[in-house]
Amino acid sequence: MRTFTLTSLLAAAVAAAALTVVAINVQAQAPSQKVTINYPAKAPANWPLFLAKEGGYYQKYGVNATMVFGVHPAGIAMIVSEEAQATNYPMEQAMLAASKDGSLVIMGSPMNRGLFAMMTGKDVKSVKDLKGKRFGVSQIGDPPYNFALAIFAKNGLTSRDIQWVPLGTDGNGRVAALVSGRVDATMLPPPAYFKLESQGFKEIANLADYQDLYAPMAYVFKKSVIAANPKLPELLIKAQAEGIKRYYDDKAMAVKAYAVYDPQTPADVERLYDHDRKAESYERVPYVLAPAVQWIQEHQADAQIGAQLKAYDFHKVIDNSVVERLVREHFFENLFGPSVKAEQDQKAKLAFK
């Protein structure tokens, strides 16, 4: 009788183990949800997304992500039309779009400082020397224009001290205008300005040098998409946080992942990495920060747009609740280690509420 009992128990245990293995296999084979993610620039600002994809972190959180490139305003249009379910967007443009279309929501910010360099010829010694000079921008009021204006203000210059030249083109057009002599200076992101240095041009200021000048990125969704899939922001924020950790831990993987989306020479990508890594550009705890929102509201070249942003209640479209919950659940501490707690506490005090 005892032998029969032990045998029965052993058989039951084996059967239970087999069922567990089957359940695990079924779970592993279960199809992940398909999500389209827009990235609006082949630039370091989207490095966390590139690593989340190439490092397998979207898959880890059950997301089959398709990455789609589309410059502004295509990214916002994709979110509104639900052609894409998420994007990582310049927050200035995201706030402007959200203030006009309440269907959008901003739910995280992985980067608050940009690496735009003010590039000029070798004869210019300082920012102040650009007084009366021609400065190339894509258009008056765009982010590079606002970045330049903020740097000029730090150096005692106003918009009236500069001859603004709207070029109507992207960064490549600004590079061409500077090289041809059509303008005396312009704002450029890396690696565009790396290539200019070998031609005798130089950096006289960088946005990253000013702690109080914000150039944030924002995770943007559509409210109806989240209503239909409430876990989606959490899954993407977790995956992209893991991408940020991989960035800080693994230079070789970070360089490899970036080159998939923005083919550059390995030397240029490594220089990009070293510059960003030293500046610790990416937020381990991606709160949307109140000072960043305020900075954007107060630094608009167009008075009408500035008034619109100041009048709008951004509590309607900025939501830090997912990041706050992940903080309470110790997700970021478990991911980055106990050392992140001080940074986490500091950012929580600055969070938009």
Protein backbone atom coordinates (compact mmCIF):
# COMPACT_ATOMS: atom_id res chain seq x y z
CA MET A 1 0.00 0.00 0.00
CA ARG A 2 2.85 2.36 0.91
CA THR A 3 4.62 1.64 -2.41
CA PHE A 4 1.43 2.39 -4.30
CA THR A 5 1.06 5.69 -2.48
CA LEU A 6 4.61 6.80 -3.20
CA THR A 7 4.27 5.76 -6.80
CA SER A 8 1.02 7.66 -7.11
CA LEU A 9 2.57 10.75 -5.55
CA LEU A 10 5.59 10.51 -7.85
CA ALA A 11 3.32 10.17 -10.89
CA ALA A 12 1.27 13.13 -9.77
CA ALA A 13 4.42 15.22 -9.29
CA VAL A 14 5.71 14.29 -12.74
CA ALA A 15 2.34 15.13 -14.27
CA ALA A 16 2.28 18.48 -12.48
CA ALA A 17 5.80 19.26 -13.65
CA ALA A 18 4.84 18.34 -17.19
CA LEU A 19 1.83 20.62 -17.05
CA THR A 20 4.03 23.43 -15.72
CA VAL A 21 6.48 22.97 -18.59
CA VAL A 22 3.60 22.98 -21.06
CA ALA A 23 2.22 26.16 -19.48
CA ILE A 24 5.62 27.83 -19.67
CA ASN A 25 6.04 26.79 -23.30
CA VAL A 26 2.56 28.03 -24.18
CA GLN A 27 3.34 31.32 -22.46
CA ALA A 28 6.65 31.61 -24.28
CA GLN A 29 5.00 30.86 -27.61
CA ALA A 30 2.06 33.18 -27.05
CA PRO A 31 2.01 35.89 -29.69
CA SER A 32 3.12 39.29 -28.44
CA GLN A 33 1.09 42.37 -29.24
CA LYS A 34 2.09 44.23 -32.37
CA VAL A 35 2.95 47.88 -31.86
CA THR A 36 4.24 50.51 -34.28
CA ILE A 37 6.62 53.04 -32.74
CA ASN A 38 7.56 56.24 -34.54
CA TYR A 39 10.98 57.81 -34.15
CA PRO A 40 11.12 61.32 -35.62
CA ALA A 41 14.89 61.64 -36.01
CA LYS A 42 17.85 59.44 -36.78
CA ALA A 43 19.59 60.94 -33.81
CA PRO A 44 20.93 60.14 -30.32
CA ALA A 45 17.66 61.33 -28.74
CA ASN A 46 16.13 58.02 -29.84
CA TRP A 47 18.97 55.79 -28.66
CA PRO A 48 16.85 54.23 -25.84
CA LEU A 49 14.28 53.09 -28.42
CA PHE A 50 16.97 51.68 -30.71
CA LEU A 51 18.42 49.66 -27.83
CA ALA A 52 15.00 48.51 -26.62
CA LYS A 53 14.44 47.06 -30.10
CA GLU A 54 17.89 45.68 -30.88
CA GLY A 55 18.47 44.47 -27.32
CA GLY A 56 15.24 42.46 -27.29
CA TYR A 57 13.61 44.40 -24.46
CA TYR A 58 10.37 45.08 -26.30
CA GLN A 59 10.07 41.33 -26.84
CA LYS A 60 10.88 40.73 -23.15
CA TYR A 61 7.78 42.72 -22.22
CA GLY A 62 5.54 41.07 -24.79
CA VAL A 63 5.70 43.76 -27.48
CA ASN A 64 6.39 43.02 -31.14
CA ALA A 65 7.62 46.49 -32.07
CA THR A 66 7.92 47.82 -35.60
CA MET A 67 10.08 50.94 -35.75
CA VAL A 68 9.00 53.57 -38.30
CA PHE A 69 10.94 56.74 -39.12
CA GLY A 70 8.96 59.91 -39.83
CA VAL A 71 9.98 63.53 -39.21
CA HIS A 72 7.66 66.10 -37.66
CA PRO A 73 4.74 66.46 -38.16
CA ALA A 74 4.48 62.88 -39.47
CA GLY A 75 5.00 61.35 -36.03
CA ILE A 76 2.13 63.25 -34.41
CA ALA A 77 -0.07 62.51 -37.43
CA MET A 78 0.72 58.79 -37.04
CA ILE A 79 -0.31 58.88 -33.38
CA VAL A 80 -3.54 60.78 -34.05
CA SER A 81 -4.51 58.41 -36.88
CA GLU A 82 -3.41 55.39 -34.78
CA GLU A 83 -1.02 54.34 -37.54
CA ALA A 84 1.52 54.31 -34.70
CA GLN A 85 0.80 53.64 -31.04
CA ALA A 86 3.75 55.49 -29.52
CA THR A 87 6.50 57.97 -30.34
CA ASN A 88 9.47 59.64 -28.67
CA TYR A 89 9.04 63.28 -29.64
CA PRO A 90 10.61 66.68 -28.92
CA MET A 91 8.46 67.81 -26.01
CA GLU A 92 8.09 71.33 -27.34
CA GLN A 93 6.37 70.00 -30.46
CA ALA A 94 4.44 67.42 -28.43
CA MET A 95 3.12 70.10 -26.05
CA LEU A 96 2.09 72.35 -28.91
CA ALA A 97 0.28 69.47 -30.63
CA ALA A 98 -1.37 68.31 -27.39
CA SER A 99 -2.57 71.84 -26.57
CA LYS A 100 -4.43 71.81 -29.90
CA ASP A 101 -5.56 68.18 -29.78
CA GLY A 102 -6.63 66.88 -26.38
CA SER A 103 -6.59 63.29 -27.65
CA LEU A 104 -2.83 63.11 -27.02
CA VAL A 105 -1.05 62.34 -23.76
CA ILE A 106 2.60 62.69 -22.70
CA MET A 107 3.65 59.93 -20.28
CA GLY A 108 7.40 60.11 -19.81
CA SER A 109 10.58 61.96 -20.72
CA PRO A 110 13.78 59.96 -21.34
CA MET A 111 15.97 62.96 -22.08
CA ASN A 112 15.96 66.55 -20.85
CA ARG A 113 19.12 68.08 -22.29
CA GLY A 114 20.15 68.16 -25.93
CA LEU A 115 23.60 68.16 -27.49
CA PHE A 116 23.04 70.86 -30.10
CA ALA A 117 26.26 72.73 -30.85
CA MET A 118 26.52 76.33 -32.02
CA MET A 119 28.91 76.02 -34.97
CA THR A 120 30.72 78.86 -36.69
CA GLY A 121 33.88 79.75 -38.59
CA LYS A 122 37.35 79.94 -37.09
CA ASP A 123 37.34 83.76 -37.08
CA VAL A 124 34.56 83.91 -34.47
CA LYS A 125 36.04 83.72 -30.98
CA SER A 126 32.93 83.68 -28.79
CA VAL A 127 29.14 83.76 -28.81
CA LYS A 128 29.21 87.54 -28.31
CA ASP A 129 31.17 87.88 -31.56
CA LEU A 130 28.06 86.77 -33.47
CA LYS A 131 26.37 90.11 -32.86
CA GLY A 132 25.24 91.41 -36.25
CA LYS A 133 26.15 88.11 -37.96
CA ARG A 134 23.93 85.85 -40.08
CA PHE A 135 22.56 82.87 -38.19
CA GLY A 136 20.93 79.98 -40.09
CA VAL A 137 17.79 78.27 -38.80
CA SER A 138 15.31 75.97 -40.48
CA GLN A 139 12.53 78.39 -39.60
CA ILE A 140 11.93 81.14 -37.07
CA GLY A 141 10.49 79.60 -33.91
CA ASP A 142 11.69 76.02 -34.44
CA PRO A 143 13.60 74.23 -31.62
CA PRO A 144 17.12 75.05 -32.96
CA TYR A 145 16.07 78.71 -33.18
CA ASN A 146 14.86 78.65 -29.57
CA PHE A 147 18.03 76.85 -28.44
CA ALA A 148 20.19 79.50 -30.13
CA LEU A 149 18.11 82.33 -28.68
CA ALA A 150 18.51 80.90 -25.17
CA ILE A 151 22.29 80.63 -25.57
CA PHE A 152 22.45 84.19 -26.91
CA ALA A 153 20.49 85.40 -23.88
CA LYS A 154 23.04 83.72 -21.61
CA ASN A 155 25.68 85.80 -23.37
CA GLY A 156 23.89 89.16 -23.25
CA LEU A 157 22.45 89.14 -26.79
CA THR A 158 18.84 89.41 -27.94
CA SER A 159 17.07 88.29 -31.09
CA ARG A 160 17.50 91.79 -32.52
CA ASP A 161 21.28 91.47 -32.32
CA ILE A 162 21.26 88.61 -34.84
CA GLN A 163 20.48 88.46 -38.57
CA TRP A 164 18.27 85.37 -38.71
CA VAL A 165 18.30 83.44 -41.99
CA PRO A 166 15.37 80.97 -42.33
CA LEU A 167 16.60 78.20 -44.65
CA GLY A 168 13.49 76.03 -44.83
CA THR A 169 15.56 72.86 -44.62
CA ASP A 170 16.72 70.30 -42.06
CA GLY A 171 20.15 70.02 -40.45
CA ASN A 172 21.80 69.03 -43.72
CA GLY A 173 20.61 72.29 -45.25
CA ARG A 174 22.02 74.25 -42.33
CA VAL A 175 25.35 72.50 -42.77
CA ALA A 176 25.38 73.40 -46.49
CA ALA A 177 24.55 77.03 -45.74
CA LEU A 178 27.39 77.30 -43.24
CA VAL A 179 29.93 75.62 -45.53
CA SER A 180 28.94 77.79 -48.50
CA GLY A 181 29.20 80.98 -46.46
CA ARG A 182 25.53 81.83 -46.75
CA VAL A 183 25.38 82.05 -42.95
CA ASP A 184 28.03 82.70 -40.31
CA ALA A 185 26.73 80.24 -37.72
CA THR A 186 24.02 77.70 -37.00
CA MET A 187 22.87 75.08 -34.47
CA LEU A 188 23.63 71.45 -35.30
CA PRO A 189 23.26 68.09 -33.55
CA PRO A 190 25.98 65.44 -33.58
CA PRO A 191 27.34 63.84 -35.69
CA ALA A 192 26.73 66.67 -38.20
CA TYR A 193 28.98 69.05 -36.36
CA PHE A 194 31.76 66.45 -36.00
CA LYS A 195 32.26 66.48 -39.76
CA LEU A 196 32.45 70.29 -39.85
CA GLU A 197 35.33 70.41 -37.39
CA SER A 198 37.64 68.74 -39.91
CA GLN A 199 36.75 71.54 -42.35
CA GLY A 200 37.89 74.30 -40.00
CA PHE A 201 34.59 75.12 -38.32
CA LYS A 202 34.31 75.07 -34.56
CA GLU A 203 31.89 74.76 -31.67
CA ILE A 204 31.59 77.91 -29.57
CA ALA A 205 28.72 76.73 -27.35
CA ASN A 206 26.70 73.61 -26.68
CA LEU A 207 23.20 73.31 -25.25
CA ALA A 208 24.45 70.53 -22.98
CA ASP A 209 26.75 73.02 -21.24
CA TYR A 210 23.76 74.83 -19.68
CA GLN A 211 21.99 72.89 -16.94
CA ASP A 212 18.96 75.18 -17.00
CA LEU A 213 18.31 75.04 -20.77
CA TYR A 214 15.94 72.19 -21.48
CA ALA A 215 15.56 70.23 -24.72
CA PRO A 216 13.38 67.36 -23.53
CA MET A 217 12.02 64.39 -25.41
CA ALA A 218 8.60 62.95 -24.55
CA TYR A 219 6.80 59.62 -24.86
CA VAL A 220 3.53 60.45 -26.61
CA PHE A 221 0.44 58.24 -26.93
CA LYS A 222 -3.20 58.65 -27.87
CA LYS A 223 -5.65 58.48 -24.99
CA SER A 224 -8.05 56.16 -26.82
CA VAL A 225 -5.21 53.71 -27.56
CA ILE A 226 -4.30 53.59 -23.87
CA ALA A 227 -7.95 53.17 -22.90
CA ALA A 228 -8.05 50.08 -25.12
CA ASN A 229 -4.65 48.84 -23.90
CA PRO A 230 -3.94 50.28 -20.42
CA LYS A 231 -0.70 48.30 -19.93
CA LEU A 232 0.97 49.57 -23.10
CA PRO A 233 2.71 52.68 -21.65
CA GLU A 234 4.09 50.62 -18.76
CA LEU A 235 5.46 47.94 -21.09
CA LEU A 236 7.17 50.47 -23.35
CA ILE A 237 8.54 52.56 -20.49
CA LYS A 238 10.00 49.42 -18.90
CA ALA A 239 11.52 48.23 -22.18
CA GLN A 240 13.02 51.64 -22.91
CA ALA A 241 14.36 51.94 -19.34
CA GLU A 242 16.14 48.64 -19.93
CA GLY A 243 17.47 50.13 -23.16
CA ILE A 244 18.86 53.06 -21.16
CA LYS A 245 20.53 50.70 -18.69
CA ARG A 246 22.08 48.74 -21.57
CA TYR A 247 23.32 52.04 -23.00
CA TYR A 248 25.16 52.93 -19.80
CA ASP A 249 26.52 49.39 -19.34
CA ASP A 250 27.46 48.24 -22.83
CA LYS A 251 29.17 50.64 -25.24
CA ALA A 252 29.69 48.03 -27.95
CA MET A 253 26.00 47.08 -28.02
CA ALA A 254 24.92 50.72 -27.90
CA VAL A 255 27.12 51.60 -30.88
CA LYS A 256 25.90 48.58 -32.83
CA ALA A 257 22.22 49.35 -32.15
CA TYR A 258 22.55 53.01 -33.11
CA ALA A 259 24.20 52.19 -36.44
CA VAL A 260 21.14 50.15 -37.47
CA TYR A 261 19.01 53.31 -37.59
CA ASP A 262 21.59 55.96 -38.45
CA PRO A 263 24.48 54.47 -40.45
CA GLN A 264 27.59 56.44 -39.56
CA THR A 265 31.26 55.60 -39.36
CA PRO A 266 32.07 53.59 -36.21
CA ALA A 267 34.36 56.41 -35.08
CA ASP A 268 31.53 58.96 -35.27
CA VAL A 269 29.08 56.73 -33.40
CA GLU A 270 31.68 56.02 -30.71
CA ARG A 271 32.28 59.74 -30.32
CA LEU A 272 28.53 60.26 -30.05
CA TYR A 273 28.40 57.62 -27.36
CA ASP A 274 31.33 59.02 -25.40
CA HIS A 275 29.84 62.53 -25.49
CA ASP A 276 26.36 61.41 -24.39
CA ARG A 277 27.69 58.94 -21.82
CA LYS A 278 29.83 61.59 -20.15
CA ALA A 279 26.86 63.97 -20.00
CA GLU A 280 24.58 61.16 -18.71
CA SER A 281 22.01 62.40 -21.17
CA TYR A 282 19.35 59.72 -20.64
CA GLU A 283 17.01 59.73 -17.68
CA ARG A 284 17.06 56.57 -15.58
CA VAL A 285 13.74 57.63 -14.06
CA PRO A 286 11.79 59.27 -16.91
CA TYR A 287 9.53 61.74 -15.15
CA VAL A 288 8.19 64.66 -17.16
CA LEU A 289 9.78 67.53 -15.23
CA ALA A 290 7.90 70.68 -14.25
CA PRO A 291 10.91 72.96 -14.96
CA ALA A 292 11.13 71.55 -18.50
CA VAL A 293 7.44 72.25 -19.13
CA GLN A 294 7.81 75.76 -17.74
CA TRP A 295 10.94 76.44 -19.82
CA ILE A 296 9.12 75.51 -23.02
CA GLN A 297 6.14 77.68 -22.11
CA GLU A 298 8.36 80.68 -21.44
CA HIS A 299 10.79 80.37 -24.37
CA GLN A 300 8.69 80.75 -27.47
CA ALA A 301 9.76 83.16 -30.20
CA ASP A 302 6.18 83.48 -31.41
CA ALA A 303 4.24 85.49 -28.82
CA GLN A 304 0.93 83.94 -29.89
CA ILE A 305 2.24 80.39 -29.42
CA GLY A 306 3.78 81.39 -26.11
CA ALA A 307 0.47 82.76 -24.89
CA GLN A 308 -1.31 79.59 -26.04
CA LEU A 309 1.10 77.34 -24.14
CA LYS A 310 0.94 79.46 -20.99
CA ALA A 311 -2.86 79.50 -21.03
CA TYR A 312 -3.29 75.76 -21.57
CA ASP A 313 -3.71 73.42 -18.59
CA PHE A 314 -1.15 70.71 -19.32
CA HIS A 315 -2.48 68.56 -16.51
CA LYS A 316 -4.97 67.45 -19.16
CA VAL A 317 -2.27 65.91 -21.34
CA ILE A 318 0.78 65.20 -19.12
CA ASP A 319 0.53 62.08 -16.99
CA ASN A 320 3.36 60.91 -14.71
CA SER A 321 1.23 58.23 -13.03
CA VAL A 322 2.91 55.23 -14.69
CA VAL A 323 6.40 56.41 -13.77
CA GLU A 324 5.19 57.18 -10.22
CA ARG A 325 3.75 53.68 -9.86
CA LEU A 326 6.95 52.06 -11.16
CA VAL A 327 8.85 54.10 -8.57
CA ARG A 328 6.55 52.82 -5.81
CA GLU A 329 7.04 49.27 -7.06
CA HIS A 330 10.85 49.77 -6.97
CA PHE A 331 11.19 48.95 -10.67
CA PHE A 332 13.97 51.48 -11.30
CA GLU A 333 15.83 50.53 -8.11
CA ASN A 334 15.70 46.87 -9.09
CA LEU A 335 16.84 47.69 -12.62
CA PHE A 336 19.62 50.22 -11.96
CA GLY A 337 20.51 49.30 -8.39
CA PRO A 338 20.19 51.14 -5.06
CA SER A 339 22.37 54.02 -6.28
CA VAL A 340 19.49 55.30 -8.42
CA LYS A 341 17.36 56.12 -5.39
CA ALA A 342 18.90 59.56 -4.77
CA GLU A 343 18.37 60.51 -8.41
CA GLN A 344 14.86 59.09 -8.27
CA ASP A 345 13.97 61.13 -5.18
CA GLN A 346 15.39 64.30 -6.72
CA LYS A 347 13.44 63.85 -9.96
CA ALA A 348 10.26 63.05 -8.06
CA LYS A 349 10.43 66.48 -6.42
CA LEU A 350 10.78 68.12 -9.84
CA ALA A 351 8.09 66.05 -11.54
CA PHE A 352 5.15 67.79 -13.20
CA LYS A 353 2.14 67.36 -10.89
